[in-house]
Amino acid sequence: MPITSTKNEDSTVIAVTGQFDYSIHREFRDTYKNLPPNTKIILELSQTAYLDSSALGMLLLLREHLGEEKANISITRCNPDIRRVFEMSNFHTLFNIS
């Protein structure tokens, strides 16, 4: 499975392994569709080798589900290439990226 989800006492950690692209759209949506809007999400990308524009769209849908500006989403441990995609697309202004 390319996606794992773990609930902690104060957050939900979603980890993506391999390709973050349209092929995992349904599985990604299923990890958050039943979460309440105030859920803190940590998206862990240390094992993500690639992400494309559909992944960016999926992140926007996640943000919308969790309340747009009120969403508490952190993206962690992404490789330099993925970090560059986030910066080029200005996602660093929408998400906490570390």
PDB file of N, CA and C in Angstrom:
ATOM      1  N   MET A   1       0.833  -1.191   0.000  1.00  0.00           N
ATOM      2  CA  MET A   1       0.000   0.000   0.000  1.00  0.00           C
ATOM      3  C   MET A   1       0.873   1.248   0.000  1.00  0.00           C
ATOM      4  N   PRO A   2       0.616   2.160  -0.912  1.00  0.00           N
ATOM      5  CA  PRO A   2       1.434   3.364  -0.961  1.00  0.00           C
ATOM      6  C   PRO A   2       1.095   4.389   0.126  1.00  0.00           C
ATOM      7  N   ILE A   3      -0.035   4.215   0.820  1.00  0.00           N
ATOM      8  CA  ILE A   3      -0.434   5.181   1.842  1.00  0.00           C
ATOM      9  C   ILE A   3      -0.730   4.455   3.144  1.00  0.00           C
ATOM     10  N   THR A   4      -0.178   4.997   4.223  1.00  0.00           N
ATOM     11  CA  THR A   4      -0.530   4.514   5.558  1.00  0.00           C
ATOM     12  C   THR A   4      -1.011   5.709   6.363  1.00  0.00           C
ATOM     13  N   SER A   5      -1.928   5.433   7.264  1.00  0.00           N
ATOM     14  CA  SER A   5      -2.486   6.478   8.110  1.00  0.00           C
ATOM     15  C   SER A   5      -2.447   6.000   9.552  1.00  0.00           C
ATOM     16  N   THR A   6      -1.917   6.845  10.430  1.00  0.00           N
ATOM     17  CA  THR A   6      -1.803   6.524  11.839  1.00  0.00           C
ATOM     18  C   THR A   6      -2.381   7.666  12.656  1.00  0.00           C
ATOM     19  N   LYS A   7      -3.289   7.342  13.545  1.00  0.00           N
ATOM     20  CA  LYS A   7      -3.869   8.372  14.403  1.00  0.00           C
ATOM     21  C   LYS A   7      -3.118   8.405  15.726  1.00  0.00           C
ATOM     22  N   ASN A   8      -2.666   9.596  16.081  1.00  0.00           N
ATOM     23  CA  ASN A   8      -2.041   9.839  17.371  1.00  0.00           C
ATOM     24  C   ASN A   8      -3.051  10.558  18.251  1.00  0.00           C
ATOM     25  N   GLU A   9      -2.667  10.885  19.458  1.00  0.00           N
ATOM     26  CA  GLU A   9      -3.611  11.556  20.344  1.00  0.00           C
ATOM     27  C   GLU A   9      -4.006  12.943  19.860  1.00  0.00           C
ATOM     28  N   ASP A  10      -3.111  13.651  19.153  1.00  0.00           N
ATOM     29  CA  ASP A  10      -3.438  15.009  18.713  1.00  0.00           C
ATOM     30  C   ASP A  10      -3.374  15.225  17.204  1.00  0.00           C
ATOM     31  N   SER A  11      -3.082  14.174  16.435  1.00  0.00           N
ATOM     32  CA  SER A  11      -2.959  14.351  14.989  1.00  0.00           C
ATOM     33  C   SER A  11      -3.137  13.025  14.254  1.00  0.00           C
ATOM     34  N   THR A  12      -3.229  13.132  12.952  1.00  0.00           N
ATOM     35  CA  THR A  12      -3.228  11.976  12.071  1.00  0.00           C
ATOM     36  C   THR A  12      -2.036  12.108  11.135  1.00  0.00           C
ATOM     37  N   VAL A  13      -1.218  11.063  11.087  1.00  0.00           N
ATOM     38  CA  VAL A  13      -0.056  11.052  10.209  1.00  0.00           C
ATOM     39  C   VAL A  13      -0.403  10.236   8.972  1.00  0.00           C
ATOM     40  N   ILE A  14      -0.240  10.857   7.810  1.00  0.00           N
ATOM     41  CA  ILE A  14      -0.457  10.178   6.533  1.00  0.00           C
ATOM     42  C   ILE A  14       0.897  10.095   5.844  1.00  0.00           C
ATOM     43  N   ALA A  15       1.344   8.881   5.551  1.00  0.00           N
ATOM     44  CA  ALA A  15       2.632   8.679   4.884  1.00  0.00           C
ATOM     45  C   ALA A  15       2.387   8.138   3.479  1.00  0.00           C
ATOM     46  N   VAL A  16       3.079   8.719   2.522  1.00  0.00           N
ATOM     47  CA  VAL A  16       2.974   8.292   1.122  1.00  0.00           C
ATOM     48  C   VAL A  16       4.310   7.679   0.719  1.00  0.00           C
ATOM     49  N   THR A  17       4.247   6.474   0.166  1.00  0.00           N
ATOM     50  CA  THR A  17       5.442   5.767  -0.285  1.00  0.00           C
ATOM     51  C   THR A  17       5.426   5.656  -1.806  1.00  0.00           C
ATOM     52  N   GLY A  18       6.558   5.944  -2.425  1.00  0.00           N
ATOM     53  CA  GLY A  18       6.671   5.793  -3.875  1.00  0.00           C
ATOM     54  C   GLY A  18       6.150   7.005  -4.615  1.00  0.00           C
ATOM     55  N   GLN A  19       5.287   6.774  -5.585  1.00  0.00           N
ATOM     56  CA  GLN A  19       4.753   7.823  -6.450  1.00  0.00           C
ATOM     57  C   GLN A  19       3.510   8.454  -5.819  1.00  0.00           C
ATOM     58  N   PHE A  20       3.496   9.766  -5.713  1.00  0.00           N
ATOM     59  CA  PHE A  20       2.315  10.493  -5.257  1.00  0.00           C
ATOM     60  C   PHE A  20       1.707  11.107  -6.507  1.00  0.00           C
ATOM     61  N   ASP A  21       0.779  10.360  -7.121  1.00  0.00           N
ATOM     62  CA  ASP A  21       0.170  10.797  -8.370  1.00  0.00           C
ATOM     63  C   ASP A  21      -1.282  10.335  -8.412  1.00  0.00           C
ATOM     64  N   TYR A  22      -1.918  10.520  -9.539  1.00  0.00           N
ATOM     65  CA  TYR A  22      -3.351  10.241  -9.644  1.00  0.00           C
ATOM     66  C   TYR A  22      -3.705   8.783  -9.343  1.00  0.00           C
ATOM     67  N   SER A  23      -2.782   7.878  -9.503  1.00  0.00           N
ATOM     68  CA  SER A  23      -3.076   6.459  -9.264  1.00  0.00           C
ATOM     69  C   SER A  23      -3.475   6.172  -7.814  1.00  0.00           C
ATOM     70  N   ILE A  24      -3.144   7.075  -6.890  1.00  0.00           N
ATOM     71  CA  ILE A  24      -3.518   6.850  -5.484  1.00  0.00           C
ATOM     72  C   ILE A  24      -4.593   7.831  -5.011  1.00  0.00           C
ATOM     73  N   HIS A  25      -5.240   8.511  -5.957  1.00  0.00           N
ATOM     74  CA  HIS A  25      -6.244   9.520  -5.615  1.00  0.00           C
ATOM     75  C   HIS A  25      -7.313   8.987  -4.668  1.00  0.00           C
ATOM     76  N   ARG A  26      -7.918   7.892  -5.012  1.00  0.00           N
ATOM     77  CA  ARG A  26      -9.014   7.349  -4.206  1.00  0.00           C
ATOM     78  C   ARG A  26      -8.516   6.934  -2.819  1.00  0.00           C
ATOM     79  N   GLU A  27      -7.385   6.258  -2.783  1.00  0.00           N
ATOM     80  CA  GLU A  27      -6.837   5.812  -1.503  1.00  0.00           C
ATOM     81  C   GLU A  27      -6.469   7.006  -0.614  1.00  0.00           C
ATOM     82  N   PHE A  28      -5.897   8.048  -1.212  1.00  0.00           N
ATOM     83  CA  PHE A  28      -5.547   9.240  -0.451  1.00  0.00           C
ATOM     84  C   PHE A  28      -6.801   9.889   0.122  1.00  0.00           C
ATOM     85  N   ARG A  29      -7.820  10.067  -0.695  1.00  0.00           N
ATOM     86  CA  ARG A  29      -9.080  10.667  -0.235  1.00  0.00           C
ATOM     87  C   ARG A  29      -9.707   9.847   0.885  1.00  0.00           C
ATOM     88  N   ASP A  30      -9.640   8.528   0.759  1.00  0.00           N
ATOM     89  CA  ASP A  30     -10.227   7.660   1.782  1.00  0.00           C
ATOM     90  C   ASP A  30      -9.545   7.808   3.141  1.00  0.00           C
ATOM     91  N   THR A  31      -8.283   8.254   3.165  1.00  0.00           N
ATOM     92  CA  THR A  31      -7.583   8.406   4.444  1.00  0.00           C
ATOM     93  C   THR A  31      -8.106   9.588   5.249  1.00  0.00           C
ATOM     94  N   TYR A  32      -8.704  10.571   4.587  1.00  0.00           N
ATOM     95  CA  TYR A  32      -9.155  11.755   5.330  1.00  0.00           C
ATOM     96  C   TYR A  32     -10.645  12.055   5.229  1.00  0.00           C
ATOM     97  N   LYS A  33     -11.386  11.378   4.395  1.00  0.00           N
ATOM     98  CA  LYS A  33     -12.767  11.790   4.127  1.00  0.00           C
ATOM     99  C   LYS A  33     -13.678  11.766   5.353  1.00  0.00           C
ATOM    100  N   ASN A  34     -13.361  10.958   6.359  1.00  0.00           N
ATOM    101  CA  ASN A  34     -14.193  10.898   7.559  1.00  0.00           C
ATOM    102  C   ASN A  34     -13.617  11.678   8.734  1.00  0.00           C
ATOM    103  N   LEU A  35     -12.533  12.408   8.507  1.00  0.00           N
ATOM    104  CA  LEU A  35     -11.926  13.194   9.581  1.00  0.00           C
ATOM    105  C   LEU A  35     -12.662  14.521   9.740  1.00  0.00           C
ATOM    106  N   PRO A  36     -12.833  14.979  10.987  1.00  0.00           N
ATOM    107  CA  PRO A  36     -13.469  16.283  11.194  1.00  0.00           C
ATOM    108  C   PRO A  36     -12.542  17.423  10.753  1.00  0.00           C
ATOM    109  N   PRO A  37     -13.110  18.580  10.429  1.00  0.00           N
ATOM    110  CA  PRO A  37     -12.323  19.705   9.925  1.00  0.00           C
ATOM    111  C   PRO A  37     -11.198  20.181  10.845  1.00  0.00           C
ATOM    112  N   ASN A  38     -11.290  19.978  12.129  1.00  0.00           N
ATOM    113  CA  ASN A  38     -10.256  20.483  13.033  1.00  0.00           C
ATOM    114  C   ASN A  38      -9.096  19.510  13.239  1.00  0.00           C
ATOM    115  N   THR A  39      -9.036  18.443  12.474  1.00  0.00           N
ATOM    116  CA  THR A  39      -7.979  17.450  12.609  1.00  0.00           C
ATOM    117  C   THR A  39      -6.635  18.009  12.159  1.00  0.00           C
ATOM    118  N   LYS A  40      -5.618  17.778  12.967  1.00  0.00           N
ATOM    119  CA  LYS A  40      -4.261  18.148  12.587  1.00  0.00           C
ATOM    120  C   LYS A  40      -3.695  17.008  11.748  1.00  0.00           C
ATOM    121  N   ILE A  41      -3.195  17.333  10.556  1.00  0.00           N
ATOM    122  CA  ILE A  41      -2.641  16.334   9.640  1.00  0.00           C
ATOM    123  C   ILE A  41      -1.143  16.559   9.491  1.00  0.00           C
ATOM    124  N   ILE A  42      -0.391  15.484   9.573  1.00  0.00           N
ATOM    125  CA  ILE A  42       1.032  15.502   9.249  1.00  0.00           C
ATOM    126  C   ILE A  42       1.204  14.585   8.047  1.00  0.00           C
ATOM    127  N   LEU A  43       1.600  15.165   6.940  1.00  0.00           N
ATOM    128  CA  LEU A  43       1.829  14.401   5.716  1.00  0.00           C
ATOM    129  C   LEU A  43       3.320  14.103   5.635  1.00  0.00           C
ATOM    130  N   GLU A  44       3.664  12.857   5.805  1.00  0.00           N
ATOM    131  CA  GLU A  44       5.057  12.416   5.897  1.00  0.00           C
ATOM    132  C   GLU A  44       5.504  11.888   4.540  1.00  0.00           C
ATOM    133  N   LEU A  45       6.491  12.550   3.926  1.00  0.00           N
ATOM    134  CA  LEU A  45       6.884  12.222   2.555  1.00  0.00           C
ATOM    135  C   LEU A  45       8.318  11.706   2.438  1.00  0.00           C
ATOM    136  N   SER A  46       8.879  11.168   3.490  1.00  0.00           N
ATOM    137  CA  SER A  46      10.270  10.705   3.432  1.00  0.00           C
ATOM    138  C   SER A  46      10.464   9.561   2.444  1.00  0.00           C
ATOM    139  N   GLN A  47       9.423   8.789   2.184  1.00  0.00           N
ATOM    140  CA  GLN A  47       9.515   7.658   1.265  1.00  0.00           C
ATOM    141  C   GLN A  47       8.849   7.953  -0.086  1.00  0.00           C
ATOM    142  N   THR A  48       8.554   9.224  -0.325  1.00  0.00           N
ATOM    143  CA  THR A  48       7.924   9.625  -1.581  1.00  0.00           C
ATOM    144  C   THR A  48       9.008  10.014  -2.574  1.00  0.00           C
ATOM    145  N   ALA A  49       9.038   9.320  -3.702  1.00  0.00           N
ATOM    146  CA  ALA A  49      10.072   9.557  -4.700  1.00  0.00           C
ATOM    147  C   ALA A  49       9.665  10.617  -5.725  1.00  0.00           C
ATOM    148  N   TYR A  50       8.373  10.810  -5.907  1.00  0.00           N
ATOM    149  CA  TYR A  50       7.894  11.647  -7.006  1.00  0.00           C
ATOM    150  C   TYR A  50       6.511  12.164  -6.667  1.00  0.00           C
ATOM    151  N   LEU A  51       6.218  13.400  -7.087  1.00  0.00           N
ATOM    152  CA  LEU A  51       4.858  13.883  -7.006  1.00  0.00           C
ATOM    153  C   LEU A  51       4.576  14.735  -8.226  1.00  0.00           C
ATOM    154  N   ASP A  52       3.334  14.689  -8.692  1.00  0.00           N
ATOM    155  CA  ASP A  52       2.980  15.436  -9.890  1.00  0.00           C
ATOM    156  C   ASP A  52       1.869  16.428  -9.587  1.00  0.00           C
ATOM    157  N   SER A  53       1.368  17.067 -10.626  1.00  0.00           N
ATOM    158  CA  SER A  53       0.346  18.096 -10.433  1.00  0.00           C
ATOM    159  C   SER A  53      -0.952  17.539  -9.865  1.00  0.00           C
ATOM    160  N   SER A  54      -1.268  16.291 -10.138  1.00  0.00           N
ATOM    161  CA  SER A  54      -2.483  15.723  -9.541  1.00  0.00           C
ATOM    162  C   SER A  54      -2.325  15.604  -8.028  1.00  0.00           C
ATOM    163  N   ALA A  55      -1.113  15.337  -7.546  1.00  0.00           N
ATOM    164  CA  ALA A  55      -0.869  15.296  -6.102  1.00  0.00           C
ATOM    165  C   ALA A  55      -1.090  16.678  -5.495  1.00  0.00           C
ATOM    166  N   LEU A  56      -0.669  17.721  -6.204  1.00  0.00           N
ATOM    167  CA  LEU A  56      -0.915  19.072  -5.714  1.00  0.00           C
ATOM    168  C   LEU A  56      -2.416  19.333  -5.604  1.00  0.00           C
ATOM    169  N   GLY A  57      -3.162  18.870  -6.589  1.00  0.00           N
ATOM    170  CA  GLY A  57      -4.620  18.996  -6.535  1.00  0.00           C
ATOM    171  C   GLY A  57      -5.210  18.227  -5.366  1.00  0.00           C
ATOM    172  N   MET A  58      -4.693  17.046  -5.103  1.00  0.00           N
ATOM    173  CA  MET A  58      -5.184  16.253  -3.972  1.00  0.00           C
ATOM    174  C   MET A  58      -4.907  16.966  -2.653  1.00  0.00           C
ATOM    175  N   LEU A  59      -3.769  17.633  -2.558  1.00  0.00           N
ATOM    176  CA  LEU A  59      -3.451  18.388  -1.342  1.00  0.00           C
ATOM    177  C   LEU A  59      -4.408  19.569  -1.168  1.00  0.00           C
ATOM    178  N   LEU A  60      -4.779  20.201  -2.262  1.00  0.00           N
ATOM    179  CA  LEU A  60      -5.747  21.290  -2.173  1.00  0.00           C
ATOM    180  C   LEU A  60      -7.113  20.781  -1.729  1.00  0.00           C
ATOM    181  N   LEU A  61      -7.499  19.603  -2.203  1.00  0.00           N
ATOM    182  CA  LEU A  61      -8.769  19.002  -1.762  1.00  0.00           C
ATOM    183  C   LEU A  61      -8.721  18.649  -0.280  1.00  0.00           C
ATOM    184  N   LEU A  62      -7.586  18.149   0.182  1.00  0.00           N
ATOM    185  CA  LEU A  62      -7.412  17.862   1.613  1.00  0.00           C
ATOM    186  C   LEU A  62      -7.560  19.153   2.409  1.00  0.00           C
ATOM    187  N   ARG A  63      -6.898  20.197   1.961  1.00  0.00           N
ATOM    188  CA  ARG A  63      -6.966  21.491   2.650  1.00  0.00           C
ATOM    189  C   ARG A  63      -8.396  22.017   2.679  1.00  0.00           C
ATOM    190  N   GLU A  64      -9.101  21.884   1.578  1.00  0.00           N
ATOM    191  CA  GLU A  64     -10.501  22.316   1.514  1.00  0.00           C
ATOM    192  C   GLU A  64     -11.353  21.530   2.504  1.00  0.00           C
ATOM    193  N   HIS A  65     -11.161  20.222   2.556  1.00  0.00           N
ATOM    194  CA  HIS A  65     -11.922  19.364   3.466  1.00  0.00           C
ATOM    195  C   HIS A  65     -11.707  19.774   4.923  1.00  0.00           C
ATOM    196  N   LEU A  66     -10.489  20.198   5.245  1.00  0.00           N
ATOM    197  CA  LEU A  66     -10.147  20.522   6.628  1.00  0.00           C
ATOM    198  C   LEU A  66     -10.372  21.991   6.981  1.00  0.00           C
ATOM    199  N   GLY A  67     -10.995  22.745   6.091  1.00  0.00           N
ATOM    200  CA  GLY A  67     -11.386  24.102   6.450  1.00  0.00           C
ATOM    201  C   GLY A  67     -10.586  25.217   5.822  1.00  0.00           C
ATOM    202  N   GLU A  68      -9.956  24.970   4.663  1.00  0.00           N
ATOM    203  CA  GLU A  68      -9.196  25.993   3.934  1.00  0.00           C
ATOM    204  C   GLU A  68      -8.155  26.667   4.827  1.00  0.00           C
ATOM    205  N   GLU A  69      -8.346  27.968   5.131  1.00  0.00           N
ATOM    206  CA  GLU A  69      -7.358  28.712   5.914  1.00  0.00           C
ATOM    207  C   GLU A  69      -7.213  28.178   7.333  1.00  0.00           C
ATOM    208  N   LYS A  70      -8.236  27.546   7.853  1.00  0.00           N
ATOM    209  CA  LYS A  70      -8.197  27.009   9.212  1.00  0.00           C
ATOM    210  C   LYS A  70      -7.527  25.640   9.276  1.00  0.00           C
ATOM    211  N   ALA A  71      -7.244  25.047   8.135  1.00  0.00           N
ATOM    212  CA  ALA A  71      -6.652  23.707   8.091  1.00  0.00           C
ATOM    213  C   ALA A  71      -5.277  23.711   8.751  1.00  0.00           C
ATOM    214  N   ASN A  72      -5.003  22.645   9.477  1.00  0.00           N
ATOM    215  CA  ASN A  72      -3.718  22.488  10.159  1.00  0.00           C
ATOM    216  C   ASN A  72      -3.003  21.292   9.532  1.00  0.00           C
ATOM    217  N   ILE A  73      -2.257  21.570   8.458  1.00  0.00           N
ATOM    218  CA  ILE A  73      -1.585  20.516   7.701  1.00  0.00           C
ATOM    219  C   ILE A  73      -0.091  20.831   7.640  1.00  0.00           C
ATOM    220  N   SER A  74       0.705  19.866   8.069  1.00  0.00           N
ATOM    221  CA  SER A  74       2.157  19.983   7.967  1.00  0.00           C
ATOM    222  C   SER A  74       2.667  18.917   7.018  1.00  0.00           C
ATOM    223  N   ILE A  75       3.568  19.307   6.140  1.00  0.00           N
ATOM    224  CA  ILE A  75       4.208  18.372   5.221  1.00  0.00           C
ATOM    225  C   ILE A  75       5.650  18.229   5.686  1.00  0.00           C
ATOM    226  N   THR A  76       6.049  16.998   5.981  1.00  0.00           N
ATOM    227  CA  THR A  76       7.365  16.788   6.576  1.00  0.00           C
ATOM    228  C   THR A  76       8.225  15.833   5.765  1.00  0.00           C
ATOM    229  N   ARG A  77       9.525  16.002   5.919  1.00  0.00           N
ATOM    230  CA  ARG A  77      10.544  15.078   5.444  1.00  0.00           C
ATOM    231  C   ARG A  77      10.509  14.836   3.938  1.00  0.00           C
ATOM    232  N   CYS A  78      10.196  15.860   3.155  1.00  0.00           N
ATOM    233  CA  CYS A  78      10.200  15.680   1.701  1.00  0.00           C
ATOM    234  C   CYS A  78      11.610  15.889   1.157  1.00  0.00           C
ATOM    235  N   ASN A  79      11.904  15.205   0.058  1.00  0.00           N
ATOM    236  CA  ASN A  79      13.234  15.325  -0.541  1.00  0.00           C
ATOM    237  C   ASN A  79      13.363  16.687  -1.241  1.00  0.00           C
ATOM    238  N   PRO A  80      14.577  17.084  -1.591  1.00  0.00           N
ATOM    239  CA  PRO A  80      14.793  18.407  -2.196  1.00  0.00           C
ATOM    240  C   PRO A  80      14.000  18.650  -3.486  1.00  0.00           C
ATOM    241  N   ASP A  81      13.825  17.624  -4.311  1.00  0.00           N
ATOM    242  CA  ASP A  81      13.071  17.800  -5.550  1.00  0.00           C
ATOM    243  C   ASP A  81      11.601  18.102  -5.267  1.00  0.00           C
ATOM    244  N   ILE A  82      11.024  17.390  -4.322  1.00  0.00           N
ATOM    245  CA  ILE A  82       9.620  17.621  -3.966  1.00  0.00           C
ATOM    246  C   ILE A  82       9.470  18.976  -3.299  1.00  0.00           C
ATOM    247  N   ARG A  83      10.406  19.336  -2.438  1.00  0.00           N
ATOM    248  CA  ARG A  83      10.372  20.654  -1.800  1.00  0.00           C
ATOM    249  C   ARG A  83      10.402  21.756  -2.865  1.00  0.00           C
ATOM    250  N   ARG A  84      11.212  21.572  -3.897  1.00  0.00           N
ATOM    251  CA  ARG A  84      11.307  22.545  -4.992  1.00  0.00           C
ATOM    252  C   ARG A  84       9.960  22.682  -5.714  1.00  0.00           C
ATOM    253  N   VAL A  85       9.267  21.567  -5.945  1.00  0.00           N
ATOM    254  CA  VAL A  85       7.936  21.619  -6.580  1.00  0.00           C
ATOM    255  C   VAL A  85       6.982  22.441  -5.713  1.00  0.00           C
ATOM    256  N   PHE A  86       7.015  22.211  -4.396  1.00  0.00           N
ATOM    257  CA  PHE A  86       6.149  22.975  -3.493  1.00  0.00           C
ATOM    258  C   PHE A  86       6.473  24.466  -3.540  1.00  0.00           C
ATOM    259  N   GLU A  87       7.734  24.798  -3.579  1.00  0.00           N
ATOM    260  CA  GLU A  87       8.123  26.204  -3.610  1.00  0.00           C
ATOM    261  C   GLU A  87       7.767  26.854  -4.943  1.00  0.00           C
ATOM    262  N   MET A  88       7.989  26.144  -6.051  1.00  0.00           N
ATOM    263  CA  MET A  88       7.671  26.692  -7.365  1.00  0.00           C
ATOM    264  C   MET A  88       6.172  26.907  -7.545  1.00  0.00           C
ATOM    265  N   SER A  89       5.362  26.086  -6.892  1.00  0.00           N
ATOM    266  CA  SER A  89       3.914  26.209  -7.003  1.00  0.00           C
ATOM    267  C   SER A  89       3.312  27.022  -5.854  1.00  0.00           C
ATOM    268  N   ASN A  90       4.178  27.626  -5.025  1.00  0.00           N
ATOM    269  CA  ASN A  90       3.767  28.462  -3.886  1.00  0.00           C
ATOM    270  C   ASN A  90       2.977  27.709  -2.822  1.00  0.00           C
ATOM    271  N   PHE A  91       3.138  26.403  -2.761  1.00  0.00           N
ATOM    272  CA  PHE A  91       2.445  25.630  -1.737  1.00  0.00           C
ATOM    273  C   PHE A  91       3.029  25.888  -0.358  1.00  0.00           C
ATOM    274  N   HIS A  92       4.232  26.418  -0.298  1.00  0.00           N
ATOM    275  CA  HIS A  92       4.817  26.752   1.004  1.00  0.00           C
ATOM    276  C   HIS A  92       4.030  27.881   1.672  1.00  0.00           C
ATOM    277  N   THR A  93       3.179  28.577   0.922  1.00  0.00           N
ATOM    278  CA  THR A  93       2.331  29.614   1.526  1.00  0.00           C
ATOM    279  C   THR A  93       1.009  29.038   2.034  1.00  0.00           C
ATOM    280  N   LEU A  94       0.677  27.818   1.617  1.00  0.00           N
ATOM    281  CA  LEU A  94      -0.587  27.192   2.017  1.00  0.00           C
ATOM    282  C   LEU A  94      -0.407  26.108   3.082  1.00  0.00           C
ATOM    283  N   PHE A  95       0.789  25.528   3.148  1.00  0.00           N
ATOM    284  CA  PHE A  95       1.063  24.421   4.054  1.00  0.00           C
ATOM    285  C   PHE A  95       2.330  24.699   4.845  1.00  0.00           C
ATOM    286  N   ASN A  96       2.411  24.125   6.037  1.00  0.00           N
ATOM    287  CA  ASN A  96       3.659  24.157   6.807  1.00  0.00           C
ATOM    288  C   ASN A  96       4.554  23.065   6.260  1.00  0.00           C
ATOM    289  N   ILE A  97       5.678  23.431   5.669  1.00  0.00           N
ATOM    290  CA  ILE A  97       6.570  22.455   5.057  1.00  0.00           C
ATOM    291  C   ILE A  97       7.888  22.465   5.826  1.00  0.00           C
ATOM    292  N   SER A  98       8.255  21.281   6.334  1.00  0.00           N
ATOM    293  CA  SER A  98       9.527  21.187   7.070  1.00  0.00           C
ATOM    294  C   SER A  98      10.291  19.956   6.647  1.00  0.00           C
TER     295      SER A  98
END
